[in-house]
Amino acid sequence: MKKFVQSSLLAASIVLPAISSISLIINPARAEVYCQCTTYVANKFGLPGNYPNAADWNDGYLQRNGFIQVSPQAGAVAVMERSFPGADSTYGHVGILESISSSGQITLRGANQSVGSSYFNESGCNDVRLTGFARSINGRNDISFWKKGTITTEFHSVNFTAKAANTGVNIRSAASVNASVVGRFTPNQQISFDGWKYGDSVPDLWTNQPDRRWYRVAGTQNWVASAVVNGNAPGSTP
């Protein structure tokens, strides 16, 4: 099944990288073939071939294969949904984040990218190139980044307070977006917590970056996502 195709939308939405400033690591030539974007990334990470269309890689495929959502960082798998400027409007796009500028423009290493650096051979594909995308990823929720790894669910005991978002926040029975809602804090309410742990990833309301921290409401076994309160648990990172 075709996963990503060249299109006028892609060509119109991409800024060509400065080739002289890019250092390419080119693998020895093999019997490489022209690849779709999904084939290249699957080959690169040794992923099974039952992958969905590119835009749907973040709907369970990557998670089942040991990936976790992370902030934008070099080497991460970038999943562009169909609405991201430059991605195919039918299939989306996946690639590997090569670099990100201070203003949020990214360069992807990927296959079947219609503009960019010269093609080179890598991971069984002869159509890999570096492509710069003109549109900043800052504030967008139609692109996500994934890396191989695990997050422990160890509970960290610490007392602190944080303020609910101005829309109010749900209280859940577990550190999961699928857990039942057992209550709700009012907008801007100050909340006391007695610990935190990692759970489901939730986009931060203020930065739109993934945050896996969940805070336990003091004196209960109930939880609030860090992403919807203003304040950080001491010693924690998203």
Protein backbone atom coordinates (compact mmCIF):
# COMPACT_ATOMS: atom_id res chain seq x y z
CA MET A 1 0.00 0.00 0.00
CA LYS A 2 1.34 3.41 -0.87
CA LYS A 3 2.29 5.33 2.24
CA PHE A 4 3.67 8.68 1.00
CA VAL A 5 3.81 10.22 -2.43
CA GLN A 6 5.47 13.21 -3.99
CA SER A 7 3.09 16.13 -4.28
CA SER A 8 2.95 19.77 -5.21
CA LEU A 9 1.92 20.53 -1.62
CA LEU A 10 5.17 19.09 -0.32
CA ALA A 11 7.26 20.95 -2.86
CA ALA A 12 5.51 24.21 -2.07
CA SER A 13 5.86 23.88 1.68
CA ILE A 14 9.51 22.91 2.08
CA VAL A 15 12.64 25.01 2.33
CA LEU A 16 15.63 23.29 0.74
CA PRO A 17 18.47 22.73 3.21
CA ALA A 18 21.83 24.32 2.49
CA ILE A 19 23.55 21.25 1.12
CA SER A 20 27.04 22.54 1.85
CA SER A 21 26.20 22.75 5.56
CA ILE A 22 24.88 19.18 5.86
CA SER A 23 27.15 16.33 6.84
CA LEU A 24 25.76 13.07 5.48
CA ILE A 25 26.56 9.64 6.85
CA ILE A 26 26.15 7.34 3.87
CA ASN A 27 26.05 3.59 4.34
CA PRO A 28 27.83 1.30 1.87
CA ALA A 29 25.77 0.59 -1.25
CA ARG A 30 23.63 -2.53 -1.22
CA ALA A 31 20.76 -3.66 -3.38
CA GLU A 32 18.77 -0.62 -2.33
CA VAL A 33 15.34 0.07 -3.75
CA TYR A 34 13.03 3.07 -3.98
CA CYS A 35 11.16 3.17 -0.67
CA GLN A 36 8.08 4.76 0.76
CA CYS A 37 8.69 6.86 3.88
CA THR A 38 7.27 4.14 6.14
CA THR A 39 9.50 1.43 4.68
CA TYR A 40 12.64 3.47 5.34
CA VAL A 41 11.82 4.19 8.99
CA ALA A 42 10.70 0.60 9.60
CA ASN A 43 13.96 -0.67 8.08
CA LYS A 44 16.00 1.81 10.10
CA PHE A 45 14.60 0.61 13.42
CA GLY A 46 13.93 -3.02 12.56
CA LEU A 47 10.17 -2.59 12.94
CA PRO A 48 7.66 -5.20 11.73
CA GLY A 49 6.16 -4.71 8.32
CA ASN A 50 2.52 -4.57 9.40
CA TYR A 51 2.70 -0.80 9.69
CA PRO A 52 -0.27 1.48 8.95
CA ASN A 53 -0.23 4.63 6.85
CA ALA A 54 2.34 7.15 8.05
CA ALA A 55 -0.14 9.47 9.79
CA ASP A 56 -1.40 6.60 11.94
CA TRP A 57 1.93 5.44 13.37
CA ASN A 58 1.16 7.24 16.64
CA ASP A 59 -2.13 5.36 17.10
CA GLY A 60 -0.58 2.28 18.69
CA TYR A 61 1.97 0.98 16.17
CA LEU A 62 4.97 2.76 17.68
CA GLN A 63 3.77 2.20 21.24
CA ARG A 64 3.41 -1.55 20.67
CA ASN A 65 6.98 -1.64 19.42
CA GLY A 66 8.53 0.00 22.46
CA PHE A 67 8.46 3.68 21.52
CA ILE A 68 7.43 6.50 23.83
CA GLN A 69 6.43 10.04 22.91
CA VAL A 70 9.17 12.59 23.58
CA SER A 71 9.91 16.25 23.03
CA PRO A 72 11.48 17.08 19.62
CA GLN A 73 15.06 15.73 19.57
CA ALA A 74 17.52 14.49 17.01
CA GLY A 75 17.09 10.82 16.15
CA ALA A 76 13.41 10.68 17.07
CA VAL A 77 10.78 9.35 14.68
CA ALA A 78 8.61 12.26 13.51
CA VAL A 79 5.00 11.41 12.69
CA MET A 80 3.26 14.03 10.58
CA GLU A 81 -0.50 13.79 10.44
CA ARG A 82 -2.39 14.57 7.24
CA SER A 83 -2.91 18.23 8.12
CA PHE A 84 0.78 19.06 8.64
CA PRO A 85 2.01 21.40 5.87
CA GLY A 86 4.20 19.36 3.53
CA ALA A 87 2.85 15.95 4.52
CA ASP A 88 0.68 14.04 2.09
CA SER A 89 -2.97 14.90 2.76
CA THR A 90 -4.02 11.25 2.33
CA TYR A 91 -1.21 9.29 3.98
CA GLY A 92 0.74 11.73 6.18
CA HIS A 93 4.51 11.30 6.50
CA VAL A 94 7.15 9.79 8.79
CA GLY A 95 10.86 10.47 8.95
CA ILE A 96 13.71 10.83 11.42
CA LEU A 97 14.37 14.22 13.00
CA GLU A 98 17.81 15.36 11.88
CA SER A 99 17.74 18.80 13.48
CA ILE A 100 15.46 21.54 14.78
CA SER A 101 16.08 25.30 14.74
CA SER A 102 15.49 27.66 17.64
CA SER A 103 12.32 28.87 15.92
CA GLY A 104 10.92 25.37 15.42
CA GLN A 105 11.74 24.57 11.79
CA ILE A 106 12.80 20.95 11.36
CA THR A 107 14.95 18.95 8.97
CA LEU A 108 13.86 15.35 8.39
CA ARG A 109 15.91 12.42 7.18
CA GLY A 110 13.52 10.31 5.15
CA ALA A 111 12.56 8.48 1.99
CA ASN A 112 10.21 9.63 -0.76
CA GLN A 113 10.71 13.31 0.07
CA SER A 114 10.30 15.22 -3.18
CA VAL A 115 12.81 18.00 -2.46
CA GLY A 116 15.93 18.39 -0.35
CA SER A 117 19.53 17.23 -0.48
CA SER A 118 20.87 14.75 -3.02
CA TYR A 119 19.58 11.20 -2.62
CA PHE A 120 21.73 8.68 -0.78
CA ASN A 121 21.44 4.99 0.13
CA GLU A 122 20.55 3.96 3.65
CA SER A 123 18.69 1.09 5.34
CA GLY A 124 17.87 -0.63 2.07
CA CYS A 125 16.51 2.50 0.39
CA ASN A 126 18.08 4.50 -2.43
CA ASP A 127 15.84 7.56 -2.14
CA VAL A 128 16.81 8.91 1.29
CA ARG A 129 17.49 12.63 1.60
CA LEU A 130 17.44 15.50 4.09
CA THR A 131 14.51 17.89 3.72
CA GLY A 132 13.85 21.11 5.59
CA PHE A 133 10.24 22.02 6.39
CA ALA A 134 9.43 25.73 6.37
CA ARG A 135 6.54 25.63 8.84
CA SER A 136 7.49 25.81 12.52
CA ILE A 137 6.31 22.94 14.68
CA ASN A 138 5.81 25.24 17.67
CA GLY A 139 2.24 25.14 18.93
CA ARG A 140 1.18 22.42 16.50
CA ASN A 141 -0.54 19.19 17.58
CA ASP A 142 -0.42 17.43 14.21
CA ILE A 143 3.19 16.29 14.53
CA SER A 144 4.66 14.09 17.27
CA PHE A 145 8.05 12.62 18.09
CA TRP A 146 8.90 9.12 19.33
CA LYS A 147 11.95 7.30 20.66
CA LYS A 148 12.66 3.77 21.76
CA GLY A 149 12.63 3.52 25.53
CA THR A 150 10.73 2.87 28.70
CA ILE A 151 9.40 5.04 31.49
CA THR A 152 9.10 3.60 34.96
CA THR A 153 5.88 3.97 36.90
CA GLU A 154 7.64 4.32 40.25
CA PHE A 155 5.84 6.62 42.71
CA HIS A 156 7.81 9.62 43.97
CA SER A 157 6.65 10.97 47.33
CA VAL A 158 6.87 14.77 47.56
CA ASN A 159 4.52 17.49 48.82
CA PHE A 160 3.83 20.46 46.56
CA THR A 161 1.03 22.61 45.18
CA ALA A 162 -0.03 23.62 41.67
CA LYS A 163 -2.86 25.63 40.15
CA ALA A 164 -5.58 24.16 37.95
CA ALA A 165 -5.92 25.46 34.40
CA ASN A 166 -8.44 28.26 33.88
CA THR A 167 -10.85 25.77 32.33
CA GLY A 168 -10.80 23.46 35.35
CA VAL A 169 -9.29 19.96 35.41
CA ASN A 170 -10.55 16.41 35.77
CA ILE A 171 -9.58 14.18 38.68
CA ARG A 172 -9.06 10.56 37.62
CA SER A 173 -8.88 7.26 39.44
CA ALA A 174 -5.53 6.33 37.85
CA ALA A 175 -2.67 7.95 35.92
CA SER A 176 -4.37 7.39 32.59
CA VAL A 177 -6.53 9.37 30.20
CA ASN A 178 -8.81 6.32 30.07
CA ALA A 179 -9.31 6.14 33.84
CA SER A 180 -12.69 7.12 35.22
CA VAL A 181 -13.31 10.75 36.18
CA VAL A 182 -14.06 10.91 39.91
CA GLY A 183 -14.26 14.67 40.33
CA ARG A 184 -13.14 18.03 39.02
CA PHE A 185 -11.17 21.00 40.30
CA THR A 186 -12.50 24.46 39.53
CA PRO A 187 -10.62 26.92 37.29
CA ASN A 188 -7.40 28.27 38.86
CA GLN A 189 -7.96 26.28 42.06
CA GLN A 190 -4.83 25.71 44.15
CA ILE A 191 -4.32 21.94 44.57
CA SER A 192 -2.18 20.07 47.11
CA PHE A 193 -0.36 16.96 45.90
CA ASP A 194 1.67 14.37 47.80
CA GLY A 195 3.55 12.69 44.96
CA TRP A 196 3.88 11.97 41.26
CA LYS A 197 4.62 9.21 38.76
CA TYR A 198 4.70 8.66 35.02
CA GLY A 199 1.56 7.58 33.19
CA ASP A 200 -0.15 8.37 29.91
CA SER A 201 1.30 11.20 27.85
CA VAL A 202 -0.84 14.36 27.66
CA PRO A 203 0.00 17.51 25.62
CA ASP A 204 0.83 20.38 27.96
CA LEU A 205 -1.83 23.11 27.76
CA TRP A 206 0.77 25.86 27.69
CA THR A 207 3.60 24.42 25.57
CA ASN A 208 1.80 21.64 23.63
CA GLN A 209 4.76 19.35 24.43
CA PRO A 210 4.17 15.79 25.70
CA ASP A 211 4.10 15.40 29.49
CA ARG A 212 3.85 11.95 31.11
CA ARG A 213 3.75 13.14 34.72
CA TRP A 214 0.68 12.57 36.83
CA TYR A 215 0.22 14.11 40.29
CA ARG A 216 -1.52 12.37 43.17
CA VAL A 217 -4.07 14.51 45.00
CA ALA A 218 -2.96 14.73 48.65
CA GLY A 219 -4.66 12.23 50.96
CA THR A 220 -6.29 10.28 48.11
CA GLN A 221 -5.51 7.69 45.46
CA ASN A 222 -6.70 10.01 42.71
CA TRP A 223 -4.67 11.68 39.98
CA VAL A 224 -4.41 14.84 37.87
CA ALA A 225 -2.30 15.15 34.73
CA SER A 226 0.66 17.50 35.10
CA ALA A 227 -0.17 18.87 31.65
CA VAL A 228 -3.32 20.62 32.92
CA VAL A 229 -1.95 22.31 36.05
CA ASN A 230 0.44 25.22 36.41
CA GLY A 231 3.30 23.97 38.57
CA ASN A 232 5.93 21.23 38.54
CA ALA A 233 6.61 18.41 40.96
CA PRO A 234 10.06 18.97 42.52
CA GLY A 235 12.71 16.81 40.90
CA SER A 236 10.51 15.77 37.97
CA THR A 237 10.84 16.13 34.20
CA PRO A 238 8.09 15.66 31.58
